[in-house]
C-alpha cells in the first residue's frame, strides 16, 4: 500500500509543476491511510501521513481530511509527530481545514493538561 506514496513523492520531487499538472495521482490517500492505521497501527499511520505531508509545497493531497481528523485524538506520546504533520500541511497547502483541525488538537491538549493538574 505505502509503496504508492513513495512512488508519488519521487514523481513530485522530479517533475512537479502545479501549473502544468492535468492529473493528480493518489486520489485515495485518506482511505489508504485509514487502512494502514486499521491494519498496522498508529506508528505506521503517522509515518505515512508525515511522508505525504512532506510532499512539495502546492501539491494536492486528495482525500486526506478523514485521516487528518484522527490526529486530534492521537495519544500524547505522538504530540511531536502530530505537530510536525500539522505544520507541514498548513505551511505547504494553506487550507483552512488543517488550521481548524490543529486548533482542535491544541484545544484538546490544553484541556488534557488542565485536567491532569
N, C-alpha and C. Protein backbone atom coordinates (compact mmCIF):
# COMPACT_ATOMS: atom_id res chain seq x y z
N UNK A 1 0.82 -1.20 0.00
CA UNK A 1 0.00 0.00 0.00
C UNK A 1 0.86 1.26 0.00
N UNK A 2 1.78 1.34 0.93
CA UNK A 2 2.54 2.57 1.11
C UNK A 2 3.53 2.80 -0.02
N UNK A 3 3.86 1.81 -0.80
CA UNK A 3 4.77 1.98 -1.93
C UNK A 3 4.24 3.04 -2.90
N UNK A 4 2.93 3.13 -3.01
CA UNK A 4 2.32 4.16 -3.87
C UNK A 4 2.72 5.55 -3.42
N UNK A 5 2.80 5.77 -2.10
CA UNK A 5 3.19 7.07 -1.58
C UNK A 5 4.63 7.39 -1.98
N UNK A 6 5.51 6.39 -1.87
CA UNK A 6 6.92 6.59 -2.23
C UNK A 6 7.04 6.93 -3.71
N UNK A 7 6.32 6.21 -4.55
CA UNK A 7 6.37 6.47 -5.99
C UNK A 7 5.83 7.86 -6.31
N UNK A 8 4.76 8.25 -5.65
CA UNK A 8 4.19 9.57 -5.87
C UNK A 8 5.15 10.67 -5.47
N UNK A 9 5.80 10.51 -4.34
CA UNK A 9 6.76 11.52 -3.88
C UNK A 9 7.92 11.63 -4.85
N UNK A 10 8.43 10.51 -5.33
CA UNK A 10 9.53 10.53 -6.29
C UNK A 10 9.11 11.29 -7.55
N UNK A 11 7.89 11.06 -7.99
CA UNK A 11 7.37 11.78 -9.16
C UNK A 11 7.34 13.28 -8.90
N UNK A 12 6.77 13.68 -7.76
CA UNK A 12 6.67 15.10 -7.45
C UNK A 12 8.05 15.74 -7.30
N UNK A 13 8.97 15.03 -6.66
CA UNK A 13 10.31 15.59 -6.47
C UNK A 13 11.01 15.83 -7.80
N UNK A 14 10.72 14.99 -8.78
CA UNK A 14 11.41 15.06 -10.06
C UNK A 14 10.72 16.00 -11.05
N UNK A 15 9.41 15.99 -11.10
CA UNK A 15 8.73 16.65 -12.21
C UNK A 15 7.60 17.58 -11.79
N UNK A 16 7.55 17.98 -10.56
CA UNK A 16 6.39 18.72 -10.08
C UNK A 16 6.35 20.15 -10.59
N UNK A 17 5.25 20.50 -11.22
CA UNK A 17 4.93 21.88 -11.58
C UNK A 17 3.41 22.00 -11.45
N UNK A 18 2.94 22.62 -10.35
CA UNK A 18 1.49 22.64 -10.11
C UNK A 18 0.68 23.30 -11.21
N UNK A 19 1.32 24.12 -12.03
CA UNK A 19 0.59 24.81 -13.08
C UNK A 19 0.48 23.99 -14.36
N UNK A 20 1.25 22.90 -14.44
CA UNK A 20 1.20 22.06 -15.62
C UNK A 20 0.56 20.69 -15.35
N UNK A 21 0.12 20.47 -14.12
CA UNK A 21 -0.46 19.18 -13.77
C UNK A 21 -1.89 19.10 -14.29
N UNK A 22 -2.16 18.05 -15.04
CA UNK A 22 -3.52 17.80 -15.52
C UNK A 22 -4.12 16.57 -14.86
N UNK A 23 -3.29 15.83 -14.17
CA UNK A 23 -3.72 14.62 -13.50
C UNK A 23 -2.97 14.55 -12.17
N UNK A 24 -3.70 14.21 -11.13
CA UNK A 24 -3.09 14.12 -9.81
C UNK A 24 -3.17 12.68 -9.33
N UNK A 25 -2.03 12.08 -9.01
CA UNK A 25 -2.04 10.69 -8.54
C UNK A 25 -2.61 10.59 -7.12
N UNK A 26 -3.05 9.43 -6.79
CA UNK A 26 -3.44 9.08 -5.42
C UNK A 26 -4.63 9.87 -4.89
N UNK A 27 -5.73 9.76 -5.58
CA UNK A 27 -6.95 10.42 -5.12
C UNK A 27 -7.55 9.73 -3.89
N UNK A 28 -6.94 8.66 -3.45
CA UNK A 28 -7.48 7.90 -2.32
C UNK A 28 -6.52 7.87 -1.13
N UNK A 29 -5.71 8.90 -0.98
CA UNK A 29 -4.71 8.92 0.09
C UNK A 29 -5.33 8.68 1.46
N UNK A 30 -6.40 9.36 1.77
CA UNK A 30 -7.02 9.24 3.09
C UNK A 30 -7.51 7.83 3.36
N UNK A 31 -8.16 7.24 2.38
CA UNK A 31 -8.66 5.88 2.58
C UNK A 31 -7.52 4.88 2.74
N UNK A 32 -6.45 5.09 2.02
CA UNK A 32 -5.28 4.23 2.17
C UNK A 32 -4.70 4.39 3.57
N UNK A 33 -4.60 5.63 4.03
CA UNK A 33 -4.07 5.88 5.38
C UNK A 33 -4.96 5.26 6.47
N UNK A 34 -6.27 5.35 6.31
CA UNK A 34 -7.18 4.74 7.28
C UNK A 34 -6.97 3.23 7.33
N UNK A 35 -6.75 2.64 6.17
CA UNK A 35 -6.49 1.21 6.10
C UNK A 35 -5.16 0.86 6.79
N UNK A 36 -4.14 1.69 6.58
CA UNK A 36 -2.86 1.47 7.24
C UNK A 36 -3.03 1.55 8.75
N UNK A 37 -3.77 2.54 9.23
CA UNK A 37 -3.99 2.67 10.68
C UNK A 37 -4.70 1.45 11.23
N UNK A 38 -5.73 1.02 10.53
CA UNK A 38 -6.51 -0.13 11.00
C UNK A 38 -5.68 -1.40 11.02
N UNK A 39 -4.88 -1.61 10.00
CA UNK A 39 -4.14 -2.87 9.89
C UNK A 39 -2.77 -2.84 10.57
N UNK A 40 -2.12 -1.66 10.59
CA UNK A 40 -0.74 -1.61 11.06
C UNK A 40 -0.53 -0.74 12.30
N UNK A 41 -1.53 0.04 12.68
CA UNK A 41 -1.44 0.81 13.91
C UNK A 41 -1.03 2.26 13.74
N UNK A 42 -0.98 2.95 14.88
CA UNK A 42 -0.74 4.39 14.90
C UNK A 42 0.62 4.79 14.34
N UNK A 43 1.66 4.07 14.70
CA UNK A 43 3.01 4.48 14.28
C UNK A 43 3.16 4.44 12.76
N UNK A 44 2.68 3.39 12.12
CA UNK A 44 2.76 3.32 10.65
C UNK A 44 1.87 4.36 10.01
N UNK A 45 0.70 4.57 10.59
CA UNK A 45 -0.21 5.59 10.09
C UNK A 45 0.45 6.96 10.12
N UNK A 46 1.06 7.31 11.26
CA UNK A 46 1.71 8.61 11.39
C UNK A 46 2.92 8.72 10.47
N UNK A 47 3.66 7.64 10.34
CA UNK A 47 4.83 7.63 9.45
C UNK A 47 4.42 8.01 8.02
N UNK A 48 3.35 7.39 7.53
CA UNK A 48 2.96 7.63 6.15
C UNK A 48 2.20 8.93 5.97
N UNK A 49 1.47 9.37 6.98
CA UNK A 49 0.83 10.68 6.90
C UNK A 49 1.89 11.78 6.90
N UNK A 50 2.91 11.62 7.73
CA UNK A 50 4.02 12.58 7.73
C UNK A 50 4.73 12.59 6.37
N UNK A 51 4.91 11.41 5.81
CA UNK A 51 5.53 11.29 4.49
C UNK A 51 4.73 12.07 3.44
N UNK A 52 3.42 11.88 3.43
CA UNK A 52 2.57 12.61 2.48
C UNK A 52 2.59 14.12 2.75
N UNK A 53 2.57 14.49 4.01
CA UNK A 53 2.58 15.92 4.36
C UNK A 53 3.85 16.61 3.87
N UNK A 54 4.91 15.83 3.67
CA UNK A 54 6.18 16.41 3.22
C UNK A 54 6.28 16.52 1.70
N UNK A 55 5.22 16.15 0.98
CA UNK A 55 5.22 16.36 -0.47
C UNK A 55 5.49 17.84 -0.74
N UNK A 56 5.99 18.18 -1.90
CA UNK A 56 6.34 19.58 -2.19
C UNK A 56 5.17 20.54 -1.97
N UNK A 57 5.51 21.75 -1.55
CA UNK A 57 4.50 22.78 -1.33
C UNK A 57 3.68 22.97 -2.59
N UNK A 58 2.39 23.05 -2.40
CA UNK A 58 1.48 23.26 -3.52
C UNK A 58 0.92 21.98 -4.11
N UNK A 59 1.51 20.83 -3.78
CA UNK A 59 0.98 19.58 -4.31
C UNK A 59 -0.36 19.30 -3.64
N UNK A 60 -1.26 18.75 -4.41
CA UNK A 60 -2.60 18.45 -3.89
C UNK A 60 -2.58 17.08 -3.25
N UNK A 61 -3.09 17.00 -2.06
CA UNK A 61 -3.19 15.73 -1.36
C UNK A 61 -4.67 15.43 -1.18
N UNK A 62 -5.18 14.65 -2.09
CA UNK A 62 -6.62 14.37 -2.12
C UNK A 62 -7.05 13.48 -0.95
N UNK A 63 -8.27 13.65 -0.53
CA UNK A 63 -8.93 12.72 0.37
C UNK A 63 -8.23 12.57 1.73
N UNK A 64 -7.61 13.62 2.24
CA UNK A 64 -6.87 13.49 3.49
C UNK A 64 -7.67 13.84 4.74
N UNK A 65 -8.76 14.55 4.60
CA UNK A 65 -9.46 15.05 5.79
C UNK A 65 -9.76 13.95 6.81
N UNK A 66 -10.27 12.81 6.36
CA UNK A 66 -10.63 11.75 7.30
C UNK A 66 -9.41 11.24 8.07
N UNK A 67 -8.27 11.21 7.42
CA UNK A 67 -7.04 10.77 8.10
C UNK A 67 -6.53 11.85 9.05
N UNK A 68 -6.54 13.10 8.60
CA UNK A 68 -6.03 14.19 9.42
C UNK A 68 -6.92 14.39 10.66
N UNK A 69 -8.21 14.14 10.53
CA UNK A 69 -9.11 14.25 11.69
C UNK A 69 -8.68 13.33 12.82
N UNK A 70 -8.08 12.20 12.49
CA UNK A 70 -7.64 11.25 13.52
C UNK A 70 -6.49 11.79 14.36
N UNK A 71 -5.78 12.79 13.85
CA UNK A 71 -4.67 13.37 14.62
C UNK A 71 -5.15 14.02 15.91
N UNK A 72 -6.37 14.55 15.88
CA UNK A 72 -6.91 15.25 17.05
C UNK A 72 -6.95 14.34 18.28
N UNK A 73 -7.17 13.05 18.07
CA UNK A 73 -7.32 12.12 19.19
C UNK A 73 -6.11 11.21 19.40
N UNK A 74 -4.99 11.53 18.78
CA UNK A 74 -3.80 10.69 18.96
C UNK A 74 -3.31 10.79 20.40
N UNK A 75 -2.78 9.70 20.94
CA UNK A 75 -2.22 9.73 22.30
C UNK A 75 -1.10 10.77 22.42
N UNK A 76 -0.94 11.36 23.60
CA UNK A 76 0.08 12.41 23.80
C UNK A 76 1.50 12.00 23.43
N UNK A 77 1.81 10.72 23.47
CA UNK A 77 3.19 10.31 23.14
C UNK A 77 3.54 10.64 21.69
N UNK A 78 2.55 10.92 20.87
CA UNK A 78 2.79 11.26 19.46
C UNK A 78 2.71 12.77 19.20
N UNK A 79 2.65 13.58 20.23
CA UNK A 79 2.44 15.02 20.05
C UNK A 79 3.47 15.66 19.12
N UNK A 80 4.73 15.29 19.24
CA UNK A 80 5.77 15.87 18.39
C UNK A 80 5.52 15.58 16.92
N UNK A 81 5.17 14.35 16.61
CA UNK A 81 4.89 13.95 15.23
C UNK A 81 3.63 14.62 14.72
N UNK A 82 2.60 14.67 15.55
CA UNK A 82 1.34 15.29 15.16
C UNK A 82 1.56 16.77 14.84
N UNK A 83 2.31 17.46 15.70
CA UNK A 83 2.59 18.88 15.45
C UNK A 83 3.34 19.06 14.13
N UNK A 84 4.33 18.22 13.90
CA UNK A 84 5.11 18.31 12.66
C UNK A 84 4.23 18.10 11.43
N UNK A 85 3.32 17.13 11.50
CA UNK A 85 2.40 16.86 10.38
C UNK A 85 1.50 18.06 10.13
N UNK A 86 0.89 18.58 11.20
CA UNK A 86 0.03 19.76 11.04
C UNK A 86 0.81 20.93 10.44
N UNK A 87 2.02 21.16 10.94
CA UNK A 87 2.81 22.28 10.42
C UNK A 87 3.12 22.11 8.94
N UNK A 88 3.48 20.90 8.54
CA UNK A 88 3.75 20.64 7.11
C UNK A 88 2.50 20.87 6.26
N UNK A 89 1.38 20.37 6.73
CA UNK A 89 0.13 20.52 5.97
C UNK A 89 -0.28 21.98 5.86
N UNK A 90 -0.17 22.71 6.95
CA UNK A 90 -0.59 24.11 6.96
C UNK A 90 0.36 24.96 6.13
N UNK A 91 1.65 24.78 6.32
CA UNK A 91 2.63 25.59 5.60
C UNK A 91 2.68 25.26 4.11
N UNK A 92 2.43 24.01 3.76
CA UNK A 92 2.54 23.61 2.37
C UNK A 92 1.27 23.74 1.56
N UNK A 93 0.12 23.86 2.23
CA UNK A 93 -1.12 23.85 1.48
C UNK A 93 -2.06 24.99 1.79
N UNK A 94 -1.89 25.65 2.89
CA UNK A 94 -2.70 26.83 3.24
C UNK A 94 -4.20 26.56 3.23
N UNK A 95 -4.60 25.37 3.66
CA UNK A 95 -6.02 25.03 3.69
C UNK A 95 -6.57 25.25 5.10
N UNK A 96 -7.68 25.95 5.19
CA UNK A 96 -8.27 26.27 6.48
C UNK A 96 -8.63 25.02 7.28
N UNK A 97 -9.01 23.96 6.59
CA UNK A 97 -9.38 22.72 7.28
C UNK A 97 -8.26 22.25 8.20
N UNK A 98 -7.02 22.30 7.72
CA UNK A 98 -5.89 21.85 8.54
C UNK A 98 -5.67 22.77 9.73
N UNK A 99 -5.87 24.06 9.54
CA UNK A 99 -5.76 25.02 10.65
C UNK A 99 -6.81 24.74 11.71
N UNK A 100 -8.03 24.49 11.28
CA UNK A 100 -9.12 24.20 12.21
C UNK A 100 -8.85 22.92 13.00
N UNK A 101 -8.36 21.90 12.32
CA UNK A 101 -8.08 20.64 13.00
C UNK A 101 -6.90 20.79 13.97
N UNK A 102 -5.91 21.56 13.58
CA UNK A 102 -4.80 21.81 14.51
C UNK A 102 -5.29 22.56 15.74
N UNK A 103 -6.16 23.54 15.54
CA UNK A 103 -6.74 24.27 16.68
C UNK A 103 -7.49 23.31 17.61
N UNK A 104 -8.26 22.39 17.04
CA UNK A 104 -9.00 21.41 17.85
C UNK A 104 -8.04 20.52 18.63
N UNK A 105 -6.95 20.11 17.99
CA UNK A 105 -5.94 19.28 18.64
C UNK A 105 -5.28 20.04 19.79
N UNK A 106 -4.91 21.29 19.55
CA UNK A 106 -4.29 22.10 20.59
C UNK A 106 -5.24 22.33 21.76
N UNK A 107 -6.52 22.57 21.45
CA UNK A 107 -7.53 22.76 22.50
C UNK A 107 -7.68 21.50 23.34
N UNK A 108 -7.71 20.36 22.68
CA UNK A 108 -7.85 19.09 23.40
C UNK A 108 -6.62 18.85 24.30
N UNK A 109 -5.45 19.17 23.79
CA UNK A 109 -4.23 19.01 24.59
C UNK A 109 -4.24 19.96 25.79
N UNK A 110 -4.72 21.19 25.59
CA UNK A 110 -4.78 22.15 26.69
C UNK A 110 -5.77 21.68 27.75
N UNK A 111 -6.90 21.14 27.32
CA UNK A 111 -7.89 20.61 28.26
C UNK A 111 -7.34 19.42 29.02
N UNK A 112 -6.61 18.56 28.32
CA UNK A 112 -6.00 17.40 28.96
C UNK A 112 -4.94 17.80 29.97
N UNK A 113 -4.17 18.81 29.68
CA UNK A 113 -3.16 19.29 30.60
C UNK A 113 -3.79 19.90 31.85
N UNK A 114 -4.89 20.61 31.65
CA UNK A 114 -5.60 21.22 32.78
C UNK A 114 -6.23 20.14 33.65
N UNK A 115 -6.79 19.12 33.03
CA UNK A 115 -7.45 18.05 33.78
C UNK A 115 -6.46 17.24 34.61
N UNK A 116 -5.21 17.14 34.17
CA UNK A 116 -4.23 16.32 34.88
C UNK A 116 -3.59 17.08 36.03
N UNK A 117 -3.91 18.38 36.18
CA UNK A 117 -3.33 19.17 37.29
C UNK A 117 -3.99 18.89 38.57
